[in-house]
Amino acid sequence: MATELLDLTFAALADPTRRAILARLASGEASVKELAEPFAMSQPAISKHLRVLERAGLISRGRDAQRRPARLEAQSLAAVADYIESYRAFWEEGFVRLAAYLQELKKETSHDAGQ
C-alpha cells in the first residue's frame, strides 16, 4: 500500500502544472476557478489535475456551499521526504569521496608545481 501511494505521489509530482497548483495551495485553500486563473487551461482540465493530486493524497477537497475548495495535505509529502532521505547517506558518501579525491589532486598539483 505504501509503495502504491508513493508511486501515485511521484506520478502526481511529475507534472509541472500539478507542482504549481501545490505551490499555490501552500499559501491557502483555493477553488478550481482560482487555481485555473494563472493557467491557459479550462476549469475541467484543472479539475483533472486536482483529481490526480487528491488520489495521491496531496490535497483534500472540502465543501463550502457551492465551492469545493482544495487544500494542501503536506503530511502526505512526508513519505516522499522519507524515501529521498533514505538515499542521503549514499550521496553524502559520494561527496566525501569526491572531496578526498579533489584534495589529493590539489596535493599532486602543488607538488608537481614545486618541482
C-alpha atoms as a PDB file:
ATOM      1  CA  MET A   1       0.000   0.000   0.000  1.00  0.00           C
ATOM      2  CA  ALA A   2       2.789   2.472   0.888  1.00  0.00           C
ATOM      3  CA  THR A   3       4.575   1.691  -2.386  1.00  0.00           C
ATOM      4  CA  GLU A   4       1.399   2.307  -4.377  1.00  0.00           C
ATOM      5  CA  LEU A   5       0.850   5.665  -2.651  1.00  0.00           C
ATOM      6  CA  LEU A   6       4.481   6.610  -3.249  1.00  0.00           C
ATOM      7  CA  ASP A   7       4.063   5.750  -6.951  1.00  0.00           C
ATOM      8  CA  LEU A   8       0.915   7.894  -7.161  1.00  0.00           C
ATOM      9  CA  THR A   9       2.673  10.752  -5.384  1.00  0.00           C
ATOM     10  CA  PHE A  10       5.708  10.737  -7.678  1.00  0.00           C
ATOM     11  CA  ALA A  11       3.433  10.492 -10.734  1.00  0.00           C
ATOM     12  CA  ALA A  12       1.435  13.475  -9.472  1.00  0.00           C
ATOM     13  CA  LEU A  13       4.581  15.491  -8.783  1.00  0.00           C
ATOM     14  CA  ALA A  14       5.989  14.736 -12.245  1.00  0.00           C
ATOM     15  CA  ASP A  15       3.687  17.298 -13.857  1.00  0.00           C
ATOM     16  CA  PRO A  16       4.712  20.979 -13.651  1.00  0.00           C
ATOM     17  CA  THR A  17       1.081  22.179 -13.571  1.00  0.00           C
ATOM     18  CA  ARG A  18       0.350  19.994 -10.549  1.00  0.00           C
ATOM     19  CA  ARG A  19       3.511  21.216  -8.803  1.00  0.00           C
ATOM     20  CA  ALA A  20       2.388  24.810  -9.467  1.00  0.00           C
ATOM     21  CA  ILE A  21      -1.035  24.002  -8.029  1.00  0.00           C
ATOM     22  CA  LEU A  22       0.606  22.585  -4.894  1.00  0.00           C
ATOM     23  CA  ALA A  23       2.775  25.698  -4.591  1.00  0.00           C
ATOM     24  CA  ARG A  24      -0.343  27.874  -4.813  1.00  0.00           C
ATOM     25  CA  LEU A  25      -2.165  25.757  -2.221  1.00  0.00           C
ATOM     26  CA  ALA A  26       0.778  26.139   0.149  1.00  0.00           C
ATOM     27  CA  SER A  27      -0.443  29.702   0.710  1.00  0.00           C
ATOM     28  CA  GLY A  28      -4.012  28.613   1.469  1.00  0.00           C
ATOM     29  CA  GLU A  29      -7.030  26.829   0.089  1.00  0.00           C
ATOM     30  CA  ALA A  30      -8.444  27.789  -3.297  1.00  0.00           C
ATOM     31  CA  SER A  31     -11.342  26.989  -5.602  1.00  0.00           C
ATOM     32  CA  VAL A  32     -10.970  25.416  -9.039  1.00  0.00           C
ATOM     33  CA  LYS A  33     -11.676  28.819 -10.582  1.00  0.00           C
ATOM     34  CA  GLU A  34      -8.923  30.447  -8.515  1.00  0.00           C
ATOM     35  CA  LEU A  35      -6.486  27.662  -9.367  1.00  0.00           C
ATOM     36  CA  ALA A  36      -7.282  27.870 -13.095  1.00  0.00           C
ATOM     37  CA  GLU A  37      -6.616  31.635 -13.341  1.00  0.00           C
ATOM     38  CA  PRO A  38      -2.837  31.559 -13.939  1.00  0.00           C
ATOM     39  CA  PHE A  39      -3.036  28.720 -16.467  1.00  0.00           C
ATOM     40  CA  ALA A  40      -4.085  28.695 -20.097  1.00  0.00           C
ATOM     41  CA  MET A  41      -6.438  25.783 -19.483  1.00  0.00           C
ATOM     42  CA  SER A  42     -10.056  25.209 -18.671  1.00  0.00           C
ATOM     43  CA  GLN A  43     -11.532  24.581 -15.242  1.00  0.00           C
ATOM     44  CA  PRO A  44     -12.323  20.951 -16.224  1.00  0.00           C
ATOM     45  CA  ALA A  45      -8.645  20.448 -17.097  1.00  0.00           C
ATOM     46  CA  ILE A  46      -7.627  21.855 -13.699  1.00  0.00           C
ATOM     47  CA  SER A  47     -10.221  19.563 -12.089  1.00  0.00           C
ATOM     48  CA  LYS A  48      -8.491  16.570 -13.694  1.00  0.00           C
ATOM     49  CA  HIS A  49      -5.179  17.684 -12.195  1.00  0.00           C
ATOM     50  CA  LEU A  50      -6.882  18.094  -8.813  1.00  0.00           C
ATOM     51  CA  ARG A  51      -8.246  14.527  -9.006  1.00  0.00           C
ATOM     52  CA  VAL A  52      -4.720  13.211  -9.600  1.00  0.00           C
ATOM     53  CA  LEU A  53      -3.419  15.212  -6.632  1.00  0.00           C
ATOM     54  CA  GLU A  54      -6.326  14.062  -4.470  1.00  0.00           C
ATOM     55  CA  ARG A  55      -5.817  10.405  -5.410  1.00  0.00           C
ATOM     56  CA  ALA A  56      -2.178  10.758  -4.358  1.00  0.00           C
ATOM     57  CA  GLY A  57      -3.267  12.236  -1.026  1.00  0.00           C
ATOM     58  CA  LEU A  58      -1.519  15.549  -1.716  1.00  0.00           C
ATOM     59  CA  ILE A  59      -4.699  17.624  -1.470  1.00  0.00           C
ATOM     60  CA  SER A  60      -8.145  17.300   0.011  1.00  0.00           C
ATOM     61  CA  ARG A  61     -11.361  18.893  -1.185  1.00  0.00           C
ATOM     62  CA  GLY A  62     -13.909  20.428   1.133  1.00  0.00           C
ATOM     63  CA  ARG A  63     -17.414  21.660   0.620  1.00  0.00           C
ATOM     64  CA  ASP A  64     -18.332  25.260   1.356  1.00  0.00           C
ATOM     65  CA  ALA A  65     -21.830  25.936  -0.038  1.00  0.00           C
ATOM     66  CA  GLN A  66     -21.301  25.805  -3.817  1.00  0.00           C
ATOM     67  CA  ARG A  67     -17.497  25.904  -3.555  1.00  0.00           C
ATOM     68  CA  ARG A  68     -15.277  22.849  -3.233  1.00  0.00           C
ATOM     69  CA  PRO A  69     -12.026  24.427  -2.047  1.00  0.00           C
ATOM     70  CA  ALA A  70      -8.847  22.408  -2.367  1.00  0.00           C
ATOM     71  CA  ARG A  71      -6.260  22.432   0.394  1.00  0.00           C
ATOM     72  CA  LEU A  72      -2.736  21.098   0.598  1.00  0.00           C
ATOM     73  CA  GLU A  73      -2.184  17.941   2.657  1.00  0.00           C
ATOM     74  CA  ALA A  74       1.504  18.495   3.368  1.00  0.00           C
ATOM     75  CA  GLN A  75       1.835  15.438   5.612  1.00  0.00           C
ATOM     76  CA  SER A  76       1.394  13.289   2.500  1.00  0.00           C
ATOM     77  CA  LEU A  77       4.724  14.631   1.284  1.00  0.00           C
ATOM     78  CA  ALA A  78       6.367  13.038   4.331  1.00  0.00           C
ATOM     79  CA  ALA A  79       6.508   9.657   2.566  1.00  0.00           C
ATOM     80  CA  VAL A  80       8.361  11.274  -0.329  1.00  0.00           C
ATOM     81  CA  ALA A  81      10.740  13.036   2.057  1.00  0.00           C
ATOM     82  CA  ASP A  82      11.383   9.746   3.896  1.00  0.00           C
ATOM     83  CA  TYR A  83      12.067   7.946   0.623  1.00  0.00           C
ATOM     84  CA  ILE A  84      14.512  10.610  -0.540  1.00  0.00           C
ATOM     85  CA  GLU A  85      16.122  10.787   2.891  1.00  0.00           C
ATOM     86  CA  SER A  86      16.954   7.082   2.634  1.00  0.00           C
ATOM     87  CA  TYR A  87      19.401   7.975  -0.150  1.00  0.00           C
ATOM     88  CA  ARG A  88      21.113  10.781   1.770  1.00  0.00           C
ATOM     89  CA  ALA A  89      23.897   8.509   3.110  1.00  0.00           C
ATOM     90  CA  PHE A  90      24.652   7.340  -0.441  1.00  0.00           C
ATOM     91  CA  TRP A  91      25.041  10.915  -1.709  1.00  0.00           C
ATOM     92  CA  GLU A  92      26.980  12.100   1.319  1.00  0.00           C
ATOM     93  CA  GLU A  93      29.431   9.212   0.953  1.00  0.00           C
ATOM     94  CA  GLY A  94      29.937  10.154  -2.687  1.00  0.00           C
ATOM     95  CA  PHE A  95      30.605  13.778  -1.760  1.00  0.00           C
ATOM     96  CA  VAL A  96      33.121  12.713   0.881  1.00  0.00           C
ATOM     97  CA  ARG A  97      34.947  10.560  -1.690  1.00  0.00           C
ATOM     98  CA  LEU A  98      34.879  13.416  -4.209  1.00  0.00           C
ATOM     99  CA  ALA A  99      36.285  15.859  -1.646  1.00  0.00           C
ATOM    100  CA  ALA A 100      39.081  13.418  -0.781  1.00  0.00           C
ATOM    101  CA  TYR A 101      39.878  12.926  -4.477  1.00  0.00           C
ATOM    102  CA  LEU A 102      39.954  16.670  -5.120  1.00  0.00           C
ATOM    103  CA  GLN A 103      42.204  17.174  -2.106  1.00  0.00           C
ATOM    104  CA  GLU A 104      44.563  14.509  -3.450  1.00  0.00           C
ATOM    105  CA  LEU A 105      44.601  16.193  -6.887  1.00  0.00           C
ATOM    106  CA  LYS A 106      45.355  19.513  -5.228  1.00  0.00           C
ATOM    107  CA  LYS A 107      48.300  17.972  -3.365  1.00  0.00           C
ATOM    108  CA  GLU A 108      49.640  16.384  -6.565  1.00  0.00           C
ATOM    109  CA  THR A 109      49.259  19.647  -8.491  1.00  0.00           C
ATOM    110  CA  SER A 110      51.028  21.693  -5.845  1.00  0.00           C
ATOM    111  CA  HIS A 111      53.738  19.018  -5.542  1.00  0.00           C
ATOM    112  CA  ASP A 112      54.265  18.975  -9.339  1.00  0.00           C
ATOM    113  CA  ALA A 113      54.390  22.782  -9.443  1.00  0.00           C
ATOM    114  CA  GLY A 114      57.072  22.815  -6.775  1.00  0.00           C
ATOM    115  CA  GLN A 115      59.468  20.614  -8.736  1.00  0.00           C
END
